[in-house]
Amino acid sequence: MQLNLTGHHVDLTQAMREHVQDKMTKLERHFDHVTNVNVVLTVEKQHMKAEASVNISKGQLFADATSSDMYAAIDSMVDKLDRQILKHKEKLTDHHRSDGGLKAQEVD
């Protein structure tokens, strides 16, 4: 997974970088096909905003969160992405029974 982290009107500290990296590894636990993540951290007056665009196999996900604390915004954004990835993973799985056609033939 390639992680690109940028900041607008905020100095990115090493602690912020490590926090984002630790949280993004949570996404890889649920879905292995995360290829590229772009994270933008911005400060607008009293609001801290975290945005992320995630490229995955067969799609792209986006989430953002706003809070008065940057770390809370990052946590909320990662939780949103985690829910989206689990939903995407559920869509990829085939829920149809493979032996359903055989039972219909046996009844005849």
N, C-alpha and C. Protein backbone atom coordinates (compact mmCIF):
# COMPACT_ATOMS: atom_id res chain seq x y z
N MET A 1 0.84 -1.17 0.00
CA MET A 1 0.00 0.00 0.00
C MET A 1 0.89 1.23 0.00
N GLN A 2 0.63 2.13 -0.93
CA GLN A 2 1.35 3.38 -1.01
C GLN A 2 0.51 4.46 -0.33
N LEU A 3 1.10 5.16 0.63
CA LEU A 3 0.39 6.18 1.39
C LEU A 3 0.99 7.54 1.09
N ASN A 4 0.15 8.45 0.57
CA ASN A 4 0.55 9.83 0.31
C ASN A 4 -0.17 10.72 1.31
N LEU A 5 0.59 11.46 2.10
CA LEU A 5 0.03 12.30 3.15
C LEU A 5 0.43 13.74 2.90
N THR A 6 -0.57 14.62 2.81
CA THR A 6 -0.30 16.05 2.60
C THR A 6 -1.09 16.86 3.61
N GLY A 7 -0.63 18.06 3.86
CA GLY A 7 -1.30 18.94 4.80
C GLY A 7 -1.50 20.32 4.22
N HIS A 8 -2.67 20.88 4.43
CA HIS A 8 -2.97 22.25 4.01
C HIS A 8 -3.17 23.09 5.25
N HIS A 9 -2.36 24.11 5.40
CA HIS A 9 -2.41 25.02 6.54
C HIS A 9 -2.15 24.30 7.86
N VAL A 10 -1.39 23.22 7.81
CA VAL A 10 -1.04 22.48 9.02
C VAL A 10 0.34 21.88 8.82
N ASP A 11 1.14 21.92 9.87
CA ASP A 11 2.45 21.27 9.84
C ASP A 11 2.28 19.81 10.23
N LEU A 12 2.69 18.92 9.34
CA LEU A 12 2.56 17.50 9.62
C LEU A 12 3.71 17.06 10.52
N THR A 13 3.37 16.67 11.72
CA THR A 13 4.38 16.19 12.66
C THR A 13 4.60 14.70 12.44
N GLN A 14 5.68 14.21 12.99
CA GLN A 14 5.97 12.78 12.88
C GLN A 14 4.89 11.96 13.59
N ALA A 15 4.35 12.48 14.69
CA ALA A 15 3.30 11.79 15.42
C ALA A 15 2.03 11.65 14.56
N MET A 16 1.69 12.70 13.81
CA MET A 16 0.53 12.63 12.92
C MET A 16 0.75 11.60 11.82
N ARG A 17 1.94 11.60 11.24
CA ARG A 17 2.25 10.64 10.18
C ARG A 17 2.14 9.21 10.70
N GLU A 18 2.69 8.95 11.88
CA GLU A 18 2.63 7.60 12.45
C GLU A 18 1.21 7.21 12.80
N HIS A 19 0.41 8.17 13.28
CA HIS A 19 -0.98 7.88 13.61
C HIS A 19 -1.77 7.48 12.37
N VAL A 20 -1.57 8.22 11.28
CA VAL A 20 -2.27 7.90 10.03
C VAL A 20 -1.81 6.54 9.51
N GLN A 21 -0.51 6.26 9.55
CA GLN A 21 -0.01 4.97 9.07
C GLN A 21 -0.55 3.81 9.90
N ASP A 22 -0.61 3.98 11.22
CA ASP A 22 -1.14 2.93 12.08
C ASP A 22 -2.60 2.66 11.79
N LYS A 23 -3.37 3.72 11.58
CA LYS A 23 -4.80 3.56 11.30
C LYS A 23 -5.05 2.95 9.93
N MET A 24 -4.21 3.29 8.95
CA MET A 24 -4.41 2.76 7.61
C MET A 24 -4.06 1.27 7.52
N THR A 25 -3.22 0.79 8.41
CA THR A 25 -2.94 -0.65 8.41
C THR A 25 -4.18 -1.44 8.80
N LYS A 26 -5.10 -0.79 9.52
CA LYS A 26 -6.37 -1.43 9.88
C LYS A 26 -7.17 -1.77 8.61
N LEU A 27 -7.07 -0.91 7.60
CA LEU A 27 -7.79 -1.16 6.35
C LEU A 27 -7.23 -2.37 5.63
N GLU A 28 -5.92 -2.55 5.68
CA GLU A 28 -5.30 -3.69 5.00
C GLU A 28 -5.65 -5.01 5.68
N ARG A 29 -5.97 -4.96 6.96
CA ARG A 29 -6.37 -6.20 7.65
C ARG A 29 -7.65 -6.76 7.07
N HIS A 30 -8.59 -5.87 6.69
CA HIS A 30 -9.88 -6.31 6.19
C HIS A 30 -9.87 -6.61 4.70
N PHE A 31 -8.99 -5.93 3.95
CA PHE A 31 -9.02 -6.07 2.50
C PHE A 31 -7.60 -5.91 1.98
N ASP A 32 -7.07 -6.96 1.35
CA ASP A 32 -5.67 -6.98 0.93
C ASP A 32 -5.37 -6.15 -0.31
N HIS A 33 -6.39 -5.81 -1.08
CA HIS A 33 -6.17 -5.21 -2.39
C HIS A 33 -6.21 -3.68 -2.37
N VAL A 34 -5.77 -3.06 -1.28
CA VAL A 34 -5.64 -1.60 -1.21
C VAL A 34 -4.31 -1.23 -1.84
N THR A 35 -4.36 -0.44 -2.91
CA THR A 35 -3.13 -0.14 -3.64
C THR A 35 -2.56 1.24 -3.32
N ASN A 36 -3.41 2.24 -3.25
CA ASN A 36 -2.93 3.61 -3.09
C ASN A 36 -3.89 4.39 -2.21
N VAL A 37 -3.34 5.16 -1.26
CA VAL A 37 -4.16 5.98 -0.36
C VAL A 37 -3.61 7.40 -0.38
N ASN A 38 -4.49 8.36 -0.65
CA ASN A 38 -4.13 9.77 -0.60
C ASN A 38 -4.88 10.41 0.57
N VAL A 39 -4.14 10.93 1.54
CA VAL A 39 -4.74 11.55 2.72
C VAL A 39 -4.37 13.02 2.73
N VAL A 40 -5.39 13.87 2.93
CA VAL A 40 -5.17 15.32 3.01
C VAL A 40 -5.72 15.79 4.36
N LEU A 41 -4.86 16.42 5.14
CA LEU A 41 -5.26 16.99 6.43
C LEU A 41 -5.27 18.50 6.29
N THR A 42 -6.42 19.13 6.63
CA THR A 42 -6.54 20.58 6.48
C THR A 42 -7.06 21.20 7.78
N VAL A 43 -6.75 22.47 7.94
CA VAL A 43 -7.26 23.25 9.07
C VAL A 43 -7.98 24.46 8.51
N GLU A 44 -9.25 24.62 8.88
CA GLU A 44 -10.05 25.77 8.45
C GLU A 44 -10.64 26.40 9.71
N LYS A 45 -10.11 27.52 10.10
CA LYS A 45 -10.48 28.22 11.33
C LYS A 45 -10.35 27.28 12.52
N GLN A 46 -11.43 26.88 13.13
CA GLN A 46 -11.37 26.00 14.30
C GLN A 46 -11.66 24.54 13.96
N HIS A 47 -11.86 24.23 12.69
CA HIS A 47 -12.23 22.88 12.28
C HIS A 47 -11.05 22.17 11.65
N MET A 48 -10.80 20.97 12.12
CA MET A 48 -9.77 20.11 11.54
C MET A 48 -10.48 19.11 10.63
N LYS A 49 -9.94 18.94 9.43
CA LYS A 49 -10.60 18.07 8.45
C LYS A 49 -9.61 17.06 7.91
N ALA A 50 -10.05 15.81 7.83
CA ALA A 50 -9.24 14.74 7.26
C ALA A 50 -10.01 14.13 6.09
N GLU A 51 -9.36 14.03 4.94
CA GLU A 51 -9.96 13.44 3.74
C GLU A 51 -9.05 12.34 3.24
N ALA A 52 -9.65 11.29 2.69
CA ALA A 52 -8.84 10.22 2.12
C ALA A 52 -9.53 9.67 0.89
N SER A 53 -8.71 9.39 -0.11
CA SER A 53 -9.15 8.73 -1.33
C SER A 53 -8.36 7.43 -1.43
N VAL A 54 -9.07 6.31 -1.52
CA VAL A 54 -8.44 5.00 -1.48
C VAL A 54 -8.71 4.29 -2.80
N ASN A 55 -7.65 3.88 -3.47
CA ASN A 55 -7.76 3.08 -4.68
C ASN A 55 -7.67 1.61 -4.28
N ILE A 56 -8.71 0.86 -4.64
CA ILE A 56 -8.74 -0.57 -4.36
C ILE A 56 -9.04 -1.29 -5.66
N SER A 57 -8.89 -2.60 -5.63
CA SER A 57 -9.20 -3.35 -6.84
C SER A 57 -10.69 -3.20 -7.14
N LYS A 58 -10.99 -2.89 -8.36
CA LYS A 58 -12.35 -2.70 -8.85
C LYS A 58 -13.08 -1.55 -8.19
N GLY A 59 -12.37 -0.46 -7.87
CA GLY A 59 -13.08 0.69 -7.34
C GLY A 59 -12.20 1.72 -6.66
N GLN A 60 -12.86 2.77 -6.22
CA GLN A 60 -12.21 3.84 -5.49
C GLN A 60 -13.18 4.31 -4.41
N LEU A 61 -12.65 4.52 -3.20
CA LEU A 61 -13.46 4.94 -2.08
C LEU A 61 -13.00 6.31 -1.61
N PHE A 62 -13.92 7.09 -1.04
CA PHE A 62 -13.59 8.40 -0.52
C PHE A 62 -14.31 8.61 0.81
N ALA A 63 -13.62 9.21 1.76
CA ALA A 63 -14.23 9.54 3.05
C ALA A 63 -13.59 10.80 3.59
N ASP A 64 -14.38 11.56 4.32
CA ASP A 64 -13.84 12.73 5.01
C ASP A 64 -14.53 12.88 6.36
N ALA A 65 -13.86 13.57 7.26
CA ALA A 65 -14.42 13.79 8.59
C ALA A 65 -13.90 15.12 9.11
N THR A 66 -14.73 15.79 9.90
CA THR A 66 -14.38 17.07 10.48
C THR A 66 -14.57 16.99 11.99
N SER A 67 -13.63 17.57 12.72
CA SER A 67 -13.70 17.57 14.17
C SER A 67 -12.90 18.75 14.70
N SER A 68 -12.98 18.97 16.01
CA SER A 68 -12.18 20.03 16.61
C SER A 68 -10.78 19.53 16.95
N ASP A 69 -10.56 18.22 16.86
CA ASP A 69 -9.26 17.60 17.12
C ASP A 69 -8.84 16.82 15.87
N MET A 70 -7.60 16.99 15.43
CA MET A 70 -7.13 16.34 14.21
C MET A 70 -7.12 14.83 14.36
N TYR A 71 -6.70 14.33 15.51
CA TYR A 71 -6.64 12.88 15.71
C TYR A 71 -8.04 12.26 15.72
N ALA A 72 -9.03 12.97 16.26
CA ALA A 72 -10.41 12.48 16.23
C ALA A 72 -10.95 12.47 14.80
N ALA A 73 -10.58 13.47 14.01
CA ALA A 73 -11.00 13.51 12.61
C ALA A 73 -10.40 12.35 11.83
N ILE A 74 -9.12 12.05 12.09
CA ILE A 74 -8.46 10.93 11.42
C ILE A 74 -9.13 9.61 11.79
N ASP A 75 -9.42 9.43 13.08
CA ASP A 75 -10.07 8.20 13.54
C ASP A 75 -11.44 8.02 12.91
N SER A 76 -12.21 9.09 12.85
CA SER A 76 -13.55 9.03 12.26
C SER A 76 -13.47 8.72 10.76
N MET A 77 -12.51 9.33 10.07
CA MET A 77 -12.34 9.08 8.63
C MET A 77 -11.98 7.62 8.38
N VAL A 78 -11.08 7.06 9.18
CA VAL A 78 -10.67 5.67 8.99
C VAL A 78 -11.83 4.73 9.30
N ASP A 79 -12.65 5.05 10.28
CA ASP A 79 -13.82 4.22 10.57
C ASP A 79 -14.79 4.21 9.39
N LYS A 80 -14.98 5.36 8.77
CA LYS A 80 -15.85 5.44 7.59
C LYS A 80 -15.28 4.60 6.44
N LEU A 81 -13.98 4.71 6.22
CA LEU A 81 -13.35 3.93 5.15
C LEU A 81 -13.45 2.43 5.45
N ASP A 82 -13.29 2.06 6.71
CA ASP A 82 -13.36 0.66 7.09
C ASP A 82 -14.74 0.09 6.78
N ARG A 83 -15.79 0.84 7.10
CA ARG A 83 -17.15 0.38 6.78
C ARG A 83 -17.35 0.25 5.27
N GLN A 84 -16.81 1.20 4.50
CA GLN A 84 -16.95 1.15 3.05
C GLN A 84 -16.20 -0.05 2.47
N ILE A 85 -15.03 -0.34 3.00
CA ILE A 85 -14.25 -1.48 2.50
C ILE A 85 -14.95 -2.79 2.82
N LEU A 86 -15.51 -2.91 4.02
CA LEU A 86 -16.24 -4.14 4.35
C LEU A 86 -17.46 -4.30 3.45
N LYS A 87 -18.14 -3.20 3.12
CA LYS A 87 -19.29 -3.26 2.22
C LYS A 87 -18.85 -3.66 0.81
N HIS A 88 -17.73 -3.10 0.36
CA HIS A 88 -17.20 -3.44 -0.96
C HIS A 88 -16.79 -4.92 -1.02
N LYS A 89 -16.17 -5.39 0.03
CA LYS A 89 -15.74 -6.79 0.09
C LYS A 89 -16.94 -7.73 0.07
N GLU A 90 -18.01 -7.34 0.74
CA GLU A 90 -19.23 -8.14 0.77
C GLU A 90 -19.86 -8.21 -0.63
N LYS A 91 -19.78 -7.12 -1.38
CA LYS A 91 -20.32 -7.11 -2.74
C LYS A 91 -19.54 -8.03 -3.68
N LEU A 92 -18.25 -8.18 -3.42
CA LEU A 92 -17.42 -9.00 -4.29
C LEU A 92 -17.65 -10.49 -4.09
N THR A 93 -18.11 -10.89 -2.92
CA THR A 93 -18.29 -12.33 -2.67
C THR A 93 -19.56 -12.81 -3.35
N ASP A 94 -19.53 -14.05 -3.81
CA ASP A 94 -20.67 -14.67 -4.47
C ASP A 94 -21.49 -15.41 -3.43
N HIS A 95 -22.74 -15.00 -3.26
CA HIS A 95 -23.59 -15.58 -2.23
C HIS A 95 -24.54 -16.64 -2.78
N HIS A 96 -24.44 -16.96 -4.06
CA HIS A 96 -25.33 -17.94 -4.66
C HIS A 96 -24.82 -19.35 -4.37
N ARG A 97 -25.76 -20.24 -4.13
CA ARG A 97 -25.39 -21.63 -3.87
C ARG A 97 -24.99 -22.29 -5.18
N SER A 98 -23.90 -23.00 -5.16
CA SER A 98 -23.42 -23.62 -6.40
C SER A 98 -24.19 -24.90 -6.72
N ASP A 99 -24.79 -25.55 -5.73
CA ASP A 99 -25.51 -26.80 -5.99
C ASP A 99 -27.02 -26.59 -6.07
N GLY A 100 -27.47 -25.36 -6.20
CA GLY A 100 -28.91 -25.06 -6.26
C GLY A 100 -29.57 -25.68 -7.48
N GLY A 101 -28.89 -25.74 -8.61
CA GLY A 101 -29.46 -26.30 -9.83
C GLY A 101 -29.64 -27.80 -9.74
N LEU A 102 -28.79 -28.49 -9.02
CA LEU A 102 -28.89 -29.94 -8.89
C LEU A 102 -30.12 -30.35 -8.11
N LYS A 103 -30.47 -29.63 -7.08
CA LYS A 103 -31.66 -29.99 -6.29
C LYS A 103 -32.93 -29.79 -7.10
N ALA A 104 -32.96 -28.81 -7.96
CA ALA A 104 -34.15 -28.59 -8.78
C ALA A 104 -34.31 -29.72 -9.79
N GLN A 105 -33.21 -30.27 -10.30
CA GLN A 105 -33.29 -31.36 -11.26
C GLN A 105 -33.67 -32.66 -10.57
N GLU A 106 -33.25 -32.88 -9.33
CA GLU A 106 -33.54 -34.11 -8.63
C GLU A 106 -35.02 -34.23 -8.28
N VAL A 107 -35.71 -33.11 -8.12
CA VAL A 107 -37.12 -33.13 -7.77
C VAL A 107 -37.95 -33.64 -8.93
N ASP A 108 -37.57 -33.33 -10.14
CA ASP A 108 -38.36 -33.73 -11.34
C ASP A 108 -38.40 -35.19 -11.56
